Protein backbone atom coordinates (compact mmCIF):
# COMPACT_ATOMS: atom_id res chain seq x y z
CA MET A 1 0.00 0.00 0.00
CA THR A 2 2.86 2.43 0.60
CA PRO A 3 3.73 2.79 -3.14
CA GLY A 4 0.04 3.33 -3.92
CA TYR A 5 -0.26 6.15 -1.43
CA LEU A 6 2.95 7.75 -2.70
CA ILE A 7 1.67 7.63 -6.28
CA ALA A 8 -1.63 9.12 -5.10
CA ALA A 9 0.23 11.90 -3.29
CA ILE A 10 2.21 12.79 -6.43
CA THR A 11 -0.94 12.66 -8.54
CA ALA A 12 -2.86 14.86 -6.09
CA PHE A 13 -0.02 17.38 -6.01
CA PHE A 14 -0.28 17.89 -9.77
CA LEU A 15 -4.01 17.30 -10.45
CA ALA A 16 -5.88 18.29 -7.32
CA PRO A 17 -7.52 21.74 -7.37
CA GLU A 18 -5.39 24.52 -5.90
CA PRO A 19 -7.24 25.07 -2.61
CA LEU A 20 -7.08 21.35 -1.75
CA ARG A 21 -3.76 20.36 -3.31
CA LEU A 22 -1.58 20.49 -0.21
CA ILE A 23 -4.24 19.06 2.12
CA ILE A 24 -4.85 16.00 -0.06
CA THR A 25 -1.14 15.55 -0.78
CA TYR A 26 -0.28 15.65 2.93
CA ALA A 27 -3.13 13.26 3.68
CA PHE A 28 -1.78 10.70 1.20
CA LEU A 29 1.76 11.12 2.56
CA VAL A 30 0.53 10.52 6.11
CA MET A 31 -1.29 7.38 4.94
CA ALA A 32 1.85 6.23 3.13
CA ALA A 33 3.78 6.61 6.40
CA CYS A 34 1.04 4.69 8.23
CA ALA A 35 1.21 1.88 5.63
CA ALA A 36 5.00 1.68 5.96
CA ALA A 37 4.67 1.57 9.75
CA TRP A 38 2.03 -1.13 9.40
CA PHE A 39 4.37 -3.42 7.45
CA ALA A 40 7.24 -2.77 9.90
CA VAL A 41 5.05 -3.54 12.88
CA ASP A 42 3.59 -6.57 11.13
CA GLU A 43 7.08 -8.00 10.55
CA TYR A 44 7.93 -7.43 14.22
CA ALA A 45 4.66 -9.08 15.27
CA VAL A 46 5.35 -12.14 13.10
CA ARG A 47 8.82 -12.57 14.62
CA HIS A 48 7.37 -12.30 18.14
CA ARG A 49 4.14 -14.15 17.30
CA SER A 50 1.92 -11.35 18.56
CA SER A 51 -1.27 -10.70 16.56
CA LEU A 52 -2.41 -8.10 19.11
CA ILE A 53 0.33 -5.67 17.98
CA THR A 54 -0.75 -6.01 14.35
CA GLN A 55 -4.42 -5.44 15.17
CA LEU A 56 -3.64 -2.42 17.35
CA ASN A 57 -1.57 -0.91 14.55
CA PHE A 58 -4.45 -1.45 12.12
CA TYR A 59 -6.91 0.28 14.45
CA ILE A 60 -4.60 3.28 14.79
CA SER A 61 -4.05 3.48 11.01
CA PHE A 62 -7.80 3.19 10.45
CA ALA A 63 -8.50 6.03 12.88
CA ILE A 64 -5.89 8.28 11.26
CA GLY A 65 -7.10 7.46 7.75
CA THR A 66 -10.74 8.00 8.65
CA GLY A 67 -9.95 11.35 10.27
CA LEU A 68 -7.89 12.59 7.34
CA PHE A 69 -10.39 11.33 4.79
CA THR A 70 -13.31 12.93 6.60
CA TYR A 71 -11.49 16.24 6.95
CA CYS A 72 -10.55 16.30 3.26
CA MET A 73 -14.14 15.50 2.28
CA TYR A 74 -15.41 18.27 4.49
CA ARG A 75 -12.95 20.83 3.12
CA THR A 76 -13.67 19.78 -0.45
CA LEU A 77 -17.41 20.06 -0.10
CA ARG A 78 -17.12 23.44 1.60
CA GLU A 79 -15.68 24.90 -1.57
CA GLU A 80 -18.09 27.17 -3.42
CA ASN A 81 -17.49 25.78 -6.88
CA ILE A 82 -17.19 21.98 -6.88
CA GLY A 83 -16.04 20.67 -10.22
CA ILE A 84 -15.01 17.39 -11.76
CA SER A 85 -11.53 17.62 -10.24
CA GLU A 86 -12.96 17.82 -6.72
CA TYR A 87 -15.14 14.77 -7.32
CA PHE A 88 -12.17 12.97 -8.85
CA SER A 89 -10.10 13.72 -5.71
CA ILE A 90 -12.92 12.49 -3.48
CA GLY A 91 -13.30 9.29 -5.51
CA MET A 92 -9.54 8.61 -5.46
CA MET A 93 -9.35 8.97 -1.70
CA TRP A 94 -12.47 6.86 -1.17
CA MET A 95 -11.24 3.96 -3.33
CA LEU A 96 -7.82 3.97 -1.66
CA TYR A 97 -9.53 4.05 1.70
CA LEU A 98 -11.62 0.97 0.83
CA LEU A 99 -8.63 -0.77 -0.73
CA THR A 100 -6.69 -0.30 2.50
CA ILE A 101 -9.46 -1.93 4.52
CA GLU A 102 -9.69 -4.81 2.05
CA THR A 103 -5.94 -5.38 2.11
CA CYS A 104 -5.86 -5.39 5.91
CA ALA A 105 -9.04 -7.47 6.26
CA PRO A 106 -7.14 -10.68 7.23
CA VAL A 107 -5.77 -8.83 10.28
CA VAL A 108 -9.18 -8.11 11.80
CA GLY A 109 -11.00 -11.10 10.36
CA ASN A 110 -14.80 -11.11 10.14
CA ILE A 111 -15.24 -7.58 11.50
CA ALA A 112 -13.62 -6.00 8.40
CA PRO A 113 -17.05 -5.07 6.90
CA LEU A 114 -17.74 -3.09 10.06
CA PHE A 115 -14.90 -0.73 9.20
CA ILE A 116 -16.42 -0.08 5.77
CA VAL A 117 -19.78 0.68 7.37
CA VAL A 118 -18.08 3.05 9.80
CA GLY A 119 -16.33 4.74 6.88
CA VAL A 120 -19.61 5.25 5.07
CA LEU A 121 -21.26 6.70 8.17
CA VAL A 122 -18.37 9.05 8.87
CA THR A 123 -18.24 10.20 5.26
CA SER A 124 -21.98 10.73 5.16
CA THR A 125 -21.75 12.79 8.31
CA ALA A 126 -19.05 14.92 6.68
CA TYR A 127 -21.27 15.49 3.65
CA TYR A 128 -24.23 16.61 5.71
CA MET A 129 -22.11 18.81 7.95
CA SER A 130 -20.66 20.54 4.92
CA GLY A 131 -24.11 21.90 4.06
CA VAL A 132 -23.78 21.02 0.37
CA GLN A 133 -27.03 20.70 -1.52
CA ASN A 134 -27.99 17.71 -3.69
CA THR A 135 -25.44 15.33 -2.17
CA GLU A 136 -27.69 12.30 -2.65
CA ILE A 137 -26.00 11.33 -5.92
CA VAL A 138 -22.52 11.44 -4.40
CA LEU A 139 -23.67 9.58 -1.32
CA SER A 140 -25.33 6.95 -3.50
CA ILE A 141 -22.08 6.44 -5.39
CA LEU A 142 -20.20 6.05 -2.13
CA VAL A 143 -22.73 3.59 -0.73
CA ILE A 144 -22.78 1.55 -3.95
CA SER A 145 -18.98 1.40 -4.03
CA ALA A 146 -18.99 0.38 -0.37
CA LEU A 147 -21.49 -2.40 -1.09
CA PHE A 148 -19.31 -3.52 -3.99
CA GLN A 149 -16.33 -3.60 -1.65
CA LEU A 150 -18.32 -5.58 0.90
CA ALA A 151 -19.20 -8.08 -1.81
CA ILE A 152 -15.51 -8.43 -2.60
CA LEU A 153 -14.78 -9.03 1.10
CA VAL A 154 -17.48 -11.70 1.28
CA PHE A 155 -16.13 -13.35 -1.86
CA ARG A 156 -12.61 -13.32 -0.50
CA SER A 157 -13.81 -14.64 2.83
CA ARG A 158 -15.65 -17.54 1.16
CA ARG A 159 -12.66 -18.21 -1.06
CA ASP A 160 -10.26 -18.21 1.89
CA GLN A 161 -12.67 -20.41 3.83
CA ASN A 162 -12.88 -22.92 1.00
CA TYR A 163 -9.11 -22.82 0.62
CA ALA A 164 -8.71 -23.40 4.37
CA LEU A 165 -11.13 -26.33 4.23
CA LEU A 166 -9.22 -27.77 1.29
CA GLU A 167 -5.93 -27.33 3.14
CA TYR A 168 -7.46 -28.97 6.21
CA ALA A 169 -8.71 -31.90 4.12
CA ASN A 170 -5.26 -32.26 2.53
CA THR A 171 -3.64 -32.13 5.96
CA GLU A 172 -6.01 -34.79 7.27
CA LEU A 173 -5.31 -36.94 4.21
CA ASN A 174 -1.55 -36.55 4.62
CA THR A 175 -1.85 -37.33 8.32
CA GLU A 176 -3.83 -40.47 7.55
CA ASN A 177 -1.31 -41.51 4.91
CA GLN A 178 1.53 -40.98 7.36
CA ARG A 179 -0.34 -43.00 9.98
CA LEU A 180 -0.86 -45.87 7.54
CA LYS A 181 2.81 -45.75 6.54
CA ILE A 182 3.86 -45.81 10.18
CA GLU A 183 1.54 -48.74 10.86
CA GLN A 184 2.99 -50.57 7.86
CA VAL A 185 6.56 -49.91 9.01
CA GLU A 186 5.70 -50.96 12.56
CA GLY A 187 4.06 -54.12 11.24
CA GLU A 188 7.16 -54.94 9.23
CA LEU A 189 9.36 -54.23 12.25
CA HIS A 190 7.24 -56.51 14.44
CA LEU A 191 7.52 -59.21 11.79
CA ALA A 192 11.29 -58.65 11.74
CA ARG A 193 11.27 -58.91 15.54
CA THR A 194 9.47 -62.23 15.32
CA LEU A 195 12.00 -63.49 12.79
CA GLN A 196 14.82 -62.19 14.95
CA ASP A 197 13.49 -64.01 18.01
CA THR A 198 13.09 -67.18 15.95
CA MET A 199 16.53 -67.06 14.37
CA THR A 200 18.40 -65.74 17.41
CA SER A 201 17.45 -67.73 20.48
CA LEU A 202 18.87 -66.85 23.87
CA PRO A 203 20.93 -69.45 25.77
CA LYS A 204 18.69 -72.35 26.67
CA ALA A 205 18.95 -75.19 29.13
CA ILE A 206 22.21 -77.04 28.89
CA SER A 207 22.37 -80.77 29.62
CA SER A 208 24.50 -80.63 32.71
CA ASN A 209 23.80 -81.79 36.25
CA GLN A 210 25.46 -78.72 37.74
CA ILE A 211 24.43 -75.77 35.52
CA GLU A 212 21.20 -73.79 35.31
CA VAL A 213 20.84 -70.98 32.77
CA LYS A 214 18.47 -68.01 32.99
CA SER A 215 18.10 -65.37 30.29
CA PHE A 216 16.52 -61.94 30.60
CA TYR A 217 16.20 -59.73 27.51
CA LEU A 218 14.37 -56.46 26.95
CA PRO A 219 15.19 -54.59 23.72
CA PHE A 220 15.07 -50.80 23.78
CA GLY A 221 12.95 -50.68 20.61
CA ILE A 222 11.12 -53.17 18.44
CA LEU A 223 14.39 -54.60 17.16
CA GLY A 224 17.31 -55.24 19.46
CA GLY A 225 21.05 -54.94 19.04
CA ASP A 226 22.10 -57.30 21.84
CA TRP A 227 22.99 -60.91 21.16
CA ALA A 228 23.72 -64.06 23.17
CA ALA A 229 24.29 -67.73 22.39
CA SER A 230 25.52 -70.90 24.05
CA ARG A 231 26.77 -74.36 23.25
CA LYS A 232 28.27 -77.43 24.93
CA LEU A 233 31.44 -79.03 23.61
CA PRO A 234 31.97 -82.80 23.50
CA ASP A 235 34.52 -82.55 26.34
CA GLY A 236 31.81 -81.14 28.64
CA LYS A 237 32.85 -77.49 28.51
CA VAL A 238 30.03 -74.95 28.29
CA ILE A 239 30.39 -71.78 26.20
CA ILE A 240 28.32 -68.64 26.79
CA ALA A 241 28.71 -65.74 24.33
CA ILE A 242 27.20 -62.31 24.63
CA GLY A 243 27.46 -59.24 22.38
CA ASP A 244 26.36 -55.63 22.12
CA VAL A 245 26.20 -54.04 18.66
CA THR A 246 26.93 -50.33 18.38
CA GLY A 247 23.73 -48.43 17.63
CA LYS A 248 20.10 -49.47 17.72
CA GLY A 249 17.23 -50.43 15.45
CA VAL A 250 17.40 -52.10 12.05
CA PRO A 251 21.17 -51.67 11.38
CA ALA A 252 22.07 -53.19 14.75
CA ALA A 253 19.57 -56.03 14.23
CA LEU A 254 21.12 -56.86 10.85
CA VAL A 255 24.57 -57.09 12.45
CA VAL A 256 23.12 -59.36 15.14
CA GLN A 257 21.78 -61.73 12.47
CA ALA A 258 25.12 -61.77 10.66
CA VAL A 259 26.98 -62.61 13.87
CA ASN A 260 24.44 -65.24 14.85
CA SER A 261 24.81 -66.89 11.44
CA MET A 262 28.56 -67.10 12.00
CA TRP A 263 27.93 -68.65 15.41
CA VAL A 264 25.49 -71.23 14.05
CA SER A 265 27.90 -72.18 11.26
CA ARG A 266 30.40 -73.40 13.89
CA LEU A 267 27.98 -75.48 15.97
CA ARG A 268 28.75 -78.70 14.10
CA THR A 269 32.47 -78.44 14.68
CA PRO A 270 33.58 -80.44 17.76
CA GLU A 271 36.03 -77.76 18.87
CA PHE A 272 35.74 -74.04 19.43
CA ASP A 273 38.60 -71.56 19.24
CA ALA A 274 37.36 -68.29 20.76
CA ILE A 275 40.17 -66.14 19.33
CA GLU A 276 39.77 -67.59 15.85
CA TRP A 277 35.99 -67.01 15.92
CA LEU A 278 36.40 -63.44 17.18
CA GLU A 279 38.87 -62.72 14.40
CA SER A 280 36.44 -64.02 11.77
CA VAL A 281 33.66 -61.81 13.18
CA ASN A 282 36.06 -58.86 13.21
CA ARG A 283 36.89 -59.37 9.53
CA THR A 284 33.20 -59.65 8.65
CA LEU A 285 32.31 -56.43 10.46
CA LEU A 286 35.14 -54.61 8.75
CA LEU A 287 33.78 -55.72 5.37
CA LEU A 288 30.22 -54.75 6.34
CA GLY A 289 31.46 -51.40 7.58
CA GLU A 290 33.26 -50.23 4.45
CA GLN A 291 30.53 -47.64 3.85
CA THR A 292 29.13 -47.23 7.37
CA SER A 293 31.09 -48.37 10.40
CA GLN A 294 29.74 -51.53 12.05
CA SER A 295 31.17 -52.56 15.39
CA MET A 296 30.25 -54.51 18.50
CA THR A 297 31.60 -55.76 21.78
CA VAL A 298 31.65 -59.47 22.58
CA GLY A 299 32.29 -61.45 25.72
CA ILE A 300 32.87 -65.23 25.68
CA ALA A 301 32.95 -67.43 28.77
CA ILE A 302 34.25 -71.01 28.51
CA ILE A 303 33.27 -72.97 31.60
CA SER A 304 34.81 -76.24 32.75
CA PRO A 305 34.42 -77.99 36.14
CA THR A 306 37.68 -76.48 37.38
CA GLU A 307 38.03 -73.08 35.70
CA LEU A 308 36.34 -70.20 33.91
CA THR A 309 38.05 -68.60 30.91
CA TYR A 310 36.77 -65.22 29.77
CA TYR A 311 37.52 -63.41 26.51
CA SER A 312 36.46 -59.78 26.17
CA ALA A 313 36.46 -57.89 22.87
CA GLY A 314 35.73 -54.55 24.50
CA HIS A 315 32.79 -56.00 26.43
CA VAL A 316 31.75 -55.09 29.96
CA PRO A 317 33.09 -57.31 32.75
CA CYS A 318 31.33 -60.43 33.91
CA TYR A 319 30.92 -61.30 37.57
CA LEU A 320 31.43 -64.56 39.42
CA LEU A 321 29.44 -64.41 42.63
CA THR A 322 29.15 -66.77 45.56
CA HIS A 323 25.59 -67.93 45.07
CA GLY A 324 23.45 -68.07 48.18
CA ASP A 325 25.94 -66.16 50.29
CA GLU A 326 24.38 -63.12 51.95
CA SER A 327 27.79 -61.47 52.07
CA THR A 328 27.50 -61.03 48.26
CA ALA A 329 31.16 -61.94 47.85
CA GLY A 330 32.41 -62.34 44.32
CA ASN A 331 34.97 -61.47 41.67
CA LEU A 332 34.92 -59.03 38.80
CA ILE A 333 36.35 -60.65 35.68
CA SER A 334 37.43 -58.03 33.18
CA GLY A 335 39.19 -59.16 30.04
CA ALA A 336 41.40 -56.97 27.89
CA GLY A 337 40.51 -56.42 24.26
CA THR A 338 39.26 -54.01 21.62
CA PRO A 339 35.75 -54.01 20.12
CA LEU A 340 35.20 -55.88 16.88
CA GLY A 341 34.93 -53.99 13.61
CA ILE A 342 37.39 -51.24 14.58
CA ASN A 343 40.88 -52.46 13.65
CA ALA A 344 42.06 -55.26 11.43
CA ALA A 345 44.56 -56.36 14.09
CA LEU A 346 42.50 -57.84 16.91
CA ASN A 347 43.98 -57.67 20.38
CA VAL A 348 42.11 -59.94 22.79
CA SER A 349 43.61 -61.79 25.74
CA GLN A 350 42.02 -64.38 27.97
CA VAL A 351 41.44 -64.23 31.72
CA THR A 352 41.24 -67.48 33.69
CA GLN A 353 39.43 -67.82 37.01
CA PRO A 354 39.84 -71.11 38.97
CA LEU A 355 36.63 -72.73 40.22
CA ILE A 356 36.35 -74.67 43.43
CA PRO A 357 34.75 -78.07 42.65
CA ARG A 358 31.37 -78.80 44.19
CA SER A 359 30.79 -75.15 45.14
CA ASN A 360 27.83 -72.88 44.43
CA PHE A 361 28.64 -69.99 42.08
CA LEU A 362 26.71 -67.59 39.92
CA LEU A 363 28.17 -66.24 36.70
CA ALA A 364 26.51 -63.02 35.53
CA MET A 365 27.08 -61.80 31.97
CA ALA A 366 25.27 -58.76 30.60
CA THR A 367 25.38 -55.82 28.24
CA ASP A 368 25.78 -52.23 29.40
CA GLY A 369 22.02 -51.81 29.51
CA ILE A 370 22.18 -53.90 32.70
CA PHE A 371 25.77 -53.44 33.84
CA ASP A 372 25.94 -49.70 33.27
CA TRP A 373 28.89 -47.68 34.47
CA ASP A 374 27.36 -46.84 37.84
CA THR A 375 26.26 -50.42 38.53
CA ARG A 376 29.53 -52.14 37.71
CA LYS A 377 31.60 -49.93 39.99
CA ARG A 378 31.03 -52.33 42.89
CA VAL A 379 30.40 -56.05 43.06
CA THR A 380 27.85 -55.48 45.85
CA LYS A 381 25.73 -53.33 43.52
CA VAL A 382 25.86 -56.04 40.87
CA SER A 383 24.83 -58.68 43.39
CA ARG A 384 21.87 -56.66 44.66
CA LEU A 385 20.77 -55.91 41.09
CA ILE A 386 20.85 -59.60 40.15
CA LYS A 387 18.81 -60.58 43.22
CA LYS A 388 16.12 -58.02 42.30
CA ILE A 389 16.03 -59.22 38.70
CA GLU A 390 15.71 -62.85 39.80
CA ALA A 391 12.84 -61.88 42.10
CA LEU A 392 10.95 -59.44 39.84
CA GLY A 393 12.09 -60.44 36.35
CA GLU A 394 11.31 -58.16 33.41
CA ASP A 395 9.30 -55.76 35.56
CA PHE A 396 12.46 -54.70 37.35
CA ILE A 397 14.55 -54.70 34.15
CA ARG A 398 12.01 -52.39 32.55
CA SER A 399 12.37 -49.96 35.47
CA HIS A 400 16.18 -50.04 35.35
CA PRO A 401 17.05 -46.42 34.39
CA VAL A 402 19.16 -47.07 31.28
CA ASP A 403 17.96 -46.23 27.75
CA ASP A 404 19.47 -49.20 25.96
CA ASP A 405 18.90 -52.84 25.10
CA LYS A 406 19.04 -54.88 28.30
CA LEU A 407 20.37 -58.42 28.26
CA LEU A 408 21.39 -60.54 31.25
CA ILE A 409 22.58 -64.17 31.28
CA LEU A 410 22.81 -65.94 34.64
CA VAL A 411 24.67 -69.25 34.88
CA LYS A 412 24.30 -71.03 38.22
CA PHE A 413 26.78 -73.67 39.31
CA SER A 414 25.27 -75.99 41.92
CA SER A 415 26.92 -79.02 43.49
CA ASN A 416 23.57 -80.72 44.11
CA HIS A 417 21.61 -79.52 41.10
CA GLU A 418 20.00 -82.46 39.33
CA SER A 419 18.02 -80.87 36.53
CA VAL A 420 18.39 -77.91 34.24
CA HIS A 421 15.82 -75.13 33.73
CA HIS A 422 15.52 -72.19 31.39
CA ALA A 423 13.67 -68.93 32.07
């Protein structure tokens, strides 16, 4: 609107009749300043999300414009000889006045027609106060133009309303499409979870008179990135493996399946070389991670009647606790090694812990969702945590304040245990 008012001011300066030239020119310049201020204030209001400032500015501009317009009408009609130029000046100011209200209508919403009615009433009052005879024709023109402007406002309002309804319908349709896509993705993820549970089974009961295995697993999302497996060698040794893939979701689950396939491929071999298997997994992860790094930590415990051997490829420690002892005595077994998938040269060393024959022990192996940094500071904390998990199961694991996959394997050694159970 500012350029329009400036053009009107220049036009009035050259075409308006001499007695009214400066008045009308100044009026248009003031309205140009008001329009410029309106845009400045509107930009400020948008940045600060304040519609009240914009509306207040419109009311002030409307009051100034109405006052100036009414005064110019009054001065024009008070002239003794009113010619075509005076009527032209009046018509120009009236149309710009209505155009301003129409342009600013979105600011005040449905009450915009009220401002046009007020303008007509104020202008009519100015005509009657001027004492001019035979003003009915001019007033009729003003009223007809006002009605025309009101019709335009109604049309624009209906158009904007229909556009808003169309936008709302499109938004609802897009929302529904997004919901259906999310449901489809979630369905596929749940199917993948089912396949993952089927293909990657946690350590089950092992045929030994002295070992009982319990597994607790709660993935952070639909798909988990923790892994565990077990097997028994022909010489009676029991192997428990546990891993934690870096990251979560689908990428981590794919790495879990790859590692599990490598584990299953070795089940038919009568011997198991932990270092050799870790090196093969390390090579595989390096190949898988050529584009995007894929890494994981792995802990392997090889249990015989007389000793426990632990290999750690960057995995959290395991704990050997005196089962059934209220003193919660036990040992932290922390192997030395780097995570798999980081370097081609794997550096993993074994740690051996002697076992006292015919004694009751509990071996606890977990990922850092269970043995977080605060928990594994002290063996007593680990022991209390395990007792609560054994008593409350997944309910307590779910309440454990760590946002990660949570996996715990408990291996009980009992001198008088006759049967094996799996939970």
